[in-house]
N, C-alpha and C. Protein backbone atom coordinates (compact mmCIF):
# COMPACT_ATOMS: atom_id res chain seq x y z
N MET A 1 68.71 -90.44 143.71
CA MET A 1 68.26 -89.27 144.52
C MET A 1 69.13 -88.04 144.49
N LYS A 2 68.61 -87.06 144.15
CA LYS A 2 69.46 -85.77 143.91
C LYS A 2 69.78 -85.19 145.22
N LYS A 3 70.92 -84.73 145.17
CA LYS A 3 71.47 -84.07 146.59
C LYS A 3 71.17 -82.66 146.49
N ASN A 4 70.70 -82.11 147.71
CA ASN A 4 70.45 -80.77 147.81
C ASN A 4 71.73 -79.90 147.87
N ASN A 5 72.01 -78.87 147.00
CA ASN A 5 73.22 -78.08 147.00
C ASN A 5 73.08 -76.71 147.90
N TRP A 6 72.01 -76.55 148.55
CA TRP A 6 71.85 -75.46 149.32
C TRP A 6 72.42 -75.72 150.75
N SER A 7 73.70 -75.08 150.91
CA SER A 7 74.31 -75.20 152.18
C SER A 7 73.70 -74.05 153.07
N PHE A 8 73.90 -74.29 154.44
CA PHE A 8 73.53 -73.30 155.48
C PHE A 8 73.85 -71.87 155.08
N LYS A 9 75.24 -71.76 154.64
CA LYS A 9 75.82 -70.52 154.37
C LYS A 9 75.02 -69.78 153.16
N ASN A 10 74.77 -70.63 152.21
CA ASN A 10 74.02 -70.04 151.13
C ASN A 10 72.55 -69.56 151.49
N LYS A 11 71.86 -70.34 152.25
CA LYS A 11 70.65 -69.96 152.73
C LYS A 11 70.80 -68.56 153.45
N ILE A 12 71.67 -68.54 154.37
CA ILE A 12 71.90 -67.28 155.19
C ILE A 12 72.13 -66.01 154.21
N ILE A 13 73.02 -66.12 153.31
CA ILE A 13 73.33 -65.10 152.32
C ILE A 13 72.06 -64.70 151.59
N TRP A 14 71.22 -65.58 150.98
CA TRP A 14 69.89 -65.31 150.33
C TRP A 14 68.95 -64.70 151.20
N PHE A 15 68.99 -65.06 152.49
CA PHE A 15 67.99 -64.49 153.44
C PHE A 15 68.35 -63.08 153.70
N ILE A 16 69.66 -62.76 153.89
CA ILE A 16 70.22 -61.36 153.98
C ILE A 16 69.84 -60.50 152.73
N ILE A 17 70.21 -61.05 151.55
CA ILE A 17 69.82 -60.17 150.44
C ILE A 17 68.32 -59.99 150.29
N LEU A 18 67.46 -60.95 150.60
CA LEU A 18 66.02 -60.72 150.59
C LEU A 18 65.52 -59.72 151.49
N CYS A 19 66.12 -59.72 152.75
CA CYS A 19 65.85 -58.76 153.89
C CYS A 19 66.32 -57.34 153.30
N ILE A 20 67.35 -57.06 152.62
CA ILE A 20 67.81 -55.81 152.18
C ILE A 20 66.85 -55.41 151.19
N ILE A 21 66.49 -56.21 150.20
CA ILE A 21 65.47 -55.76 149.12
C ILE A 21 64.07 -55.45 149.75
N VAL A 22 63.61 -56.21 150.60
CA VAL A 22 62.35 -56.11 151.20
C VAL A 22 62.40 -54.66 151.99
N ASN A 23 63.42 -54.44 152.79
CA ASN A 23 63.56 -53.20 153.58
C ASN A 23 63.71 -52.02 152.60
N SER A 24 64.43 -52.11 151.63
CA SER A 24 64.32 -51.08 150.54
C SER A 24 63.04 -50.68 150.02
N LEU A 25 62.40 -51.77 149.61
CA LEU A 25 60.95 -51.57 149.03
C LEU A 25 60.05 -50.92 150.00
N VAL A 26 60.12 -51.25 151.29
CA VAL A 26 59.30 -50.63 152.43
C VAL A 26 59.61 -49.16 152.48
N VAL A 27 60.81 -48.89 152.54
CA VAL A 27 61.16 -47.39 152.59
C VAL A 27 60.68 -46.60 151.50
N ILE A 28 60.90 -47.01 150.32
CA ILE A 28 60.40 -46.48 149.07
C ILE A 28 58.83 -46.30 149.02
N ILE A 29 58.12 -47.37 149.40
CA ILE A 29 56.77 -47.37 149.42
C ILE A 29 56.16 -46.31 150.49
N ARG A 30 56.87 -46.38 151.57
CA ARG A 30 56.32 -45.57 152.70
C ARG A 30 56.59 -44.08 152.44
N LYS A 31 57.79 -43.75 151.75
CA LYS A 31 57.99 -42.38 151.22
C LYS A 31 56.98 -41.96 150.28
N THR A 32 56.66 -42.75 149.31
CA THR A 32 55.66 -42.39 148.28
C THR A 32 54.34 -42.19 148.94
N ILE A 33 53.91 -43.16 149.86
CA ILE A 33 52.79 -42.84 150.63
C ILE A 33 52.64 -41.55 151.26
N GLU A 34 53.74 -41.20 152.04
CA GLU A 34 53.81 -40.06 152.79
C GLU A 34 53.61 -38.78 151.79
N ASN A 35 54.41 -38.79 150.67
CA ASN A 35 54.26 -37.70 149.76
C ASN A 35 52.87 -37.54 149.09
N ASN A 36 52.22 -38.61 148.79
CA ASN A 36 50.78 -38.49 148.18
C ASN A 36 49.84 -37.92 149.42
N TYR A 37 50.13 -38.53 150.54
CA TYR A 37 49.24 -37.91 151.76
C TYR A 37 49.42 -36.46 151.75
N LEU A 38 50.62 -35.99 151.84
CA LEU A 38 50.95 -34.60 152.01
C LEU A 38 50.25 -33.82 150.82
N ILE A 39 50.39 -34.25 149.63
CA ILE A 39 49.70 -33.59 148.43
C ILE A 39 48.35 -33.36 148.64
N ASP A 40 47.70 -34.54 149.16
CA ASP A 40 46.16 -34.61 149.23
C ASP A 40 45.74 -33.84 150.50
N GLU A 41 46.28 -34.15 151.71
CA GLU A 41 45.81 -33.60 152.91
C GLU A 41 46.68 -32.76 153.76
N GLY A 42 47.93 -32.62 153.21
CA GLY A 42 48.86 -31.59 153.98
C GLY A 42 48.54 -30.30 154.06
N VAL A 43 49.06 -29.67 155.31
CA VAL A 43 48.70 -28.20 155.53
C VAL A 43 49.88 -27.44 155.16
N GLU A 44 49.59 -26.36 154.41
CA GLU A 44 50.74 -25.56 153.89
C GLU A 44 51.17 -24.46 154.92
N ILE A 45 52.46 -24.25 155.03
CA ILE A 45 52.99 -23.26 156.00
C ILE A 45 54.31 -22.73 155.66
N SER A 46 54.55 -21.63 156.18
CA SER A 46 55.80 -21.07 155.73
C SER A 46 56.91 -21.56 156.67
N ALA A 47 58.11 -21.78 156.23
CA ALA A 47 59.35 -22.24 156.98
C ALA A 47 60.43 -21.42 156.59
N VAL A 48 61.48 -21.34 157.47
CA VAL A 48 62.66 -20.58 157.30
C VAL A 48 63.88 -21.57 157.13
N VAL A 49 64.68 -21.27 156.02
CA VAL A 49 65.83 -22.16 155.89
C VAL A 49 66.85 -21.75 156.99
N THR A 50 67.28 -22.70 157.65
CA THR A 50 68.19 -22.41 158.75
C THR A 50 69.65 -23.00 158.47
N ASP A 51 69.85 -23.79 157.60
CA ASP A 51 71.14 -24.28 157.43
C ASP A 51 71.18 -24.89 155.96
N VAL A 52 72.39 -24.55 155.24
CA VAL A 52 72.69 -25.09 153.98
C VAL A 52 74.06 -25.77 154.06
N ARG A 53 74.10 -26.91 153.57
CA ARG A 53 75.32 -27.65 153.67
C ARG A 53 75.71 -28.49 152.48
N TYR A 54 76.89 -28.75 152.30
CA TYR A 54 77.37 -29.57 151.20
C TYR A 54 77.52 -30.88 151.87
N VAL A 55 76.96 -31.93 151.37
CA VAL A 55 77.25 -33.29 151.98
C VAL A 55 77.63 -34.35 150.97
N GLY A 56 78.49 -35.22 151.29
CA GLY A 56 79.07 -36.30 150.41
C GLY A 56 80.18 -35.67 149.51
N SER A 57 80.69 -36.62 148.85
CA SER A 57 82.00 -36.21 148.00
C SER A 57 81.48 -35.55 146.77
N LYS A 58 80.18 -35.63 146.39
CA LYS A 58 79.72 -34.99 145.07
C LYS A 58 79.08 -33.53 145.12
N GLY A 59 79.22 -33.10 146.41
CA GLY A 59 78.74 -31.75 146.69
C GLY A 59 77.24 -31.65 146.62
N LYS A 60 76.59 -32.62 147.12
CA LYS A 60 75.15 -32.50 147.19
C LYS A 60 74.70 -31.56 148.31
N VAL A 61 73.77 -30.65 148.12
CA VAL A 61 73.36 -29.71 148.95
C VAL A 61 72.16 -30.14 149.79
N LYS A 62 72.29 -29.98 151.13
CA LYS A 62 71.18 -30.43 151.93
C LYS A 62 70.70 -29.09 152.68
N CYS A 63 69.57 -28.62 152.46
CA CYS A 63 68.88 -27.50 153.21
C CYS A 63 68.07 -27.99 154.28
N THR A 64 68.28 -27.38 155.48
CA THR A 64 67.32 -27.54 156.68
C THR A 64 66.48 -26.40 156.89
N TYR A 65 65.35 -26.71 157.16
CA TYR A 65 64.21 -25.53 157.39
C TYR A 65 63.58 -25.77 158.65
N THR A 66 63.10 -24.72 159.38
CA THR A 66 62.49 -24.89 160.57
C THR A 66 61.04 -24.24 160.49
N PHE A 67 60.06 -24.71 161.17
CA PHE A 67 58.72 -24.07 161.19
C PHE A 67 58.10 -24.26 162.59
N LYS A 68 57.12 -23.38 162.84
CA LYS A 68 56.51 -23.48 164.28
C LYS A 68 55.06 -23.79 164.02
N ILE A 69 54.46 -24.54 164.83
CA ILE A 69 53.07 -24.81 164.98
C ILE A 69 52.69 -24.61 166.45
N LYS A 70 51.88 -23.58 166.75
CA LYS A 70 51.55 -23.14 167.98
C LYS A 70 52.99 -22.85 168.84
N GLU A 71 53.31 -23.52 169.86
CA GLU A 71 54.59 -23.28 170.50
C GLU A 71 55.62 -24.18 170.23
N SER A 72 55.50 -25.18 169.28
CA SER A 72 56.32 -26.10 168.88
C SER A 72 57.11 -25.90 167.67
N SER A 73 58.42 -26.22 167.69
CA SER A 73 59.13 -26.00 166.45
C SER A 73 59.49 -27.40 165.86
N TYR A 74 59.42 -27.56 164.53
CA TYR A 74 59.85 -28.74 163.75
C TYR A 74 60.81 -28.33 162.55
N THR A 75 61.40 -29.37 162.20
CA THR A 75 62.42 -29.18 161.21
C THR A 75 62.29 -30.25 160.24
N GLY A 76 62.76 -29.78 158.90
CA GLY A 76 62.62 -30.86 157.84
C GLY A 76 63.99 -30.49 156.80
N SER A 77 63.98 -31.32 155.94
CA SER A 77 65.19 -30.88 154.99
C SER A 77 64.79 -31.22 153.59
N VAL A 78 65.60 -30.61 152.59
CA VAL A 78 65.36 -30.87 151.25
C VAL A 78 66.81 -31.03 150.66
N ASP A 79 66.95 -31.87 149.74
CA ASP A 79 68.34 -31.86 149.01
C ASP A 79 68.30 -31.16 147.71
N ASN A 80 68.63 -29.93 147.85
CA ASN A 80 68.71 -29.19 146.47
C ASN A 80 69.41 -27.97 146.82
N ASP A 81 69.88 -27.23 145.68
CA ASP A 81 70.73 -25.92 146.00
C ASP A 81 70.00 -24.72 145.65
N TYR A 82 68.74 -24.65 145.61
CA TYR A 82 68.06 -23.38 145.07
C TYR A 82 67.49 -22.51 146.43
N TYR A 83 68.01 -22.85 147.58
CA TYR A 83 67.71 -22.06 148.77
C TYR A 83 69.06 -21.47 149.54
N MET A 84 68.78 -20.53 150.12
CA MET A 84 69.91 -19.80 150.94
C MET A 84 69.42 -19.63 152.39
N ILE A 85 70.38 -19.63 153.24
CA ILE A 85 69.89 -19.40 154.71
C ILE A 85 69.17 -18.13 154.84
N GLY A 86 67.96 -18.12 155.52
CA GLY A 86 67.12 -17.18 155.74
C GLY A 86 66.03 -17.00 154.84
N ASP A 87 65.98 -17.79 153.72
CA ASP A 87 64.97 -18.00 152.73
C ASP A 87 63.57 -18.45 153.52
N THR A 88 62.55 -17.85 153.04
CA THR A 88 61.26 -18.27 153.49
C THR A 88 60.50 -19.23 152.32
N ILE A 89 60.33 -20.47 152.77
CA ILE A 89 59.75 -21.33 151.78
C ILE A 89 58.44 -21.91 152.33
N LYS A 90 57.66 -22.52 151.25
CA LYS A 90 56.39 -23.16 151.55
C LYS A 90 56.63 -24.58 151.82
N ILE A 91 56.09 -25.12 152.85
CA ILE A 91 56.06 -26.56 153.02
C ILE A 91 54.72 -27.18 153.31
N LEU A 92 54.62 -28.41 153.08
CA LEU A 92 53.40 -29.17 153.47
C LEU A 92 53.81 -30.17 154.66
N TYR A 93 52.82 -30.14 155.68
CA TYR A 93 53.09 -31.03 156.85
C TYR A 93 51.82 -31.75 157.14
N SER A 94 51.97 -32.95 157.83
CA SER A 94 50.80 -33.74 158.24
C SER A 94 50.22 -33.12 159.54
N LYS A 95 48.86 -33.08 159.43
CA LYS A 95 48.21 -32.72 160.66
C LYS A 95 48.38 -33.56 161.78
N LYS A 96 48.39 -34.82 161.53
CA LYS A 96 48.81 -35.99 162.39
C LYS A 96 49.97 -35.92 163.08
N ASP A 97 51.06 -35.62 162.22
CA ASP A 97 52.27 -35.64 162.84
C ASP A 97 53.18 -34.60 162.09
N PRO A 98 53.35 -33.46 162.57
CA PRO A 98 54.10 -32.41 161.89
C PRO A 98 55.50 -32.78 161.51
N ASN A 99 56.13 -33.79 162.09
CA ASN A 99 57.50 -34.23 161.76
C ASN A 99 57.48 -34.74 160.30
N THR A 100 56.29 -35.36 159.83
CA THR A 100 56.31 -35.70 158.43
C THR A 100 55.85 -34.41 157.64
N ASN A 101 56.96 -33.97 156.96
CA ASN A 101 56.74 -32.70 156.11
C ASN A 101 57.77 -32.49 155.05
N ARG A 102 57.33 -32.08 153.99
CA ARG A 102 58.16 -31.80 152.80
C ARG A 102 58.10 -30.44 152.04
N ASP A 103 59.20 -30.04 151.37
CA ASP A 103 59.18 -28.90 150.71
C ASP A 103 58.06 -28.89 149.63
N LYS A 104 57.29 -27.90 149.65
CA LYS A 104 56.18 -27.81 148.60
C LYS A 104 56.75 -27.90 147.09
N LYS A 105 57.79 -27.09 146.87
CA LYS A 105 58.52 -27.08 145.61
C LYS A 105 59.02 -28.30 145.21
N PHE A 106 59.68 -29.20 146.22
CA PHE A 106 60.06 -30.52 145.89
C PHE A 106 58.98 -31.42 145.43
N LEU A 107 57.87 -31.38 146.10
CA LEU A 107 56.67 -32.24 145.73
C LEU A 107 56.21 -31.91 144.39
N GLU A 108 56.14 -30.45 144.16
CA GLU A 108 55.56 -30.15 142.86
C GLU A 108 56.58 -30.64 141.77
N GLN A 109 57.86 -30.54 141.94
CA GLN A 109 58.72 -31.09 140.78
C GLN A 109 58.67 -32.48 140.68
N ILE A 110 58.43 -33.38 141.74
CA ILE A 110 58.43 -34.67 141.57
C ILE A 110 57.02 -35.10 140.90
N TYR A 111 56.00 -34.59 141.31
CA TYR A 111 54.67 -35.03 140.89
C TYR A 111 53.97 -34.11 139.93
N LYS A 112 54.58 -33.01 139.54
CA LYS A 112 54.00 -32.26 138.53
C LYS A 112 52.63 -31.69 138.57
N TRP A 113 52.28 -31.38 139.75
CA TRP A 113 50.80 -30.92 139.96
C TRP A 113 50.62 -29.52 140.10
C-alpha cells in the first residue's frame, strides 16, 4: 500500500496558492468586463484632472480626475503621464454606478477602437 505524502502543511500551502491565483483571475476578468461594458454602454462626460503624482519607486504617474453628475462628485484615476493638473479630459462612466469609470483615451489605447 502506497503512503500518502500530502501533509497537512502542504495542503494548506497549495490551498493558499490556489486562492491567490483564483483571486487574481477574478480581478482581471472583472476589470475586463467593466472596460467592455463602458465601451459599449458608458456615458461620455468631461472631467478635470485634480492631482498628478509619482507613485512607486519607478516613477509611475497616477492622475486623479473629478467629474459631476447632477449634484454628486465622483473621482477616478489613470496611470499615465500625459495629463497635467487642470486638464479637461473625456471619461466614460457607468449609468448604473458612476464610480465605475475610465479615461476614454486609456480605453482607446487598450482596445484600439
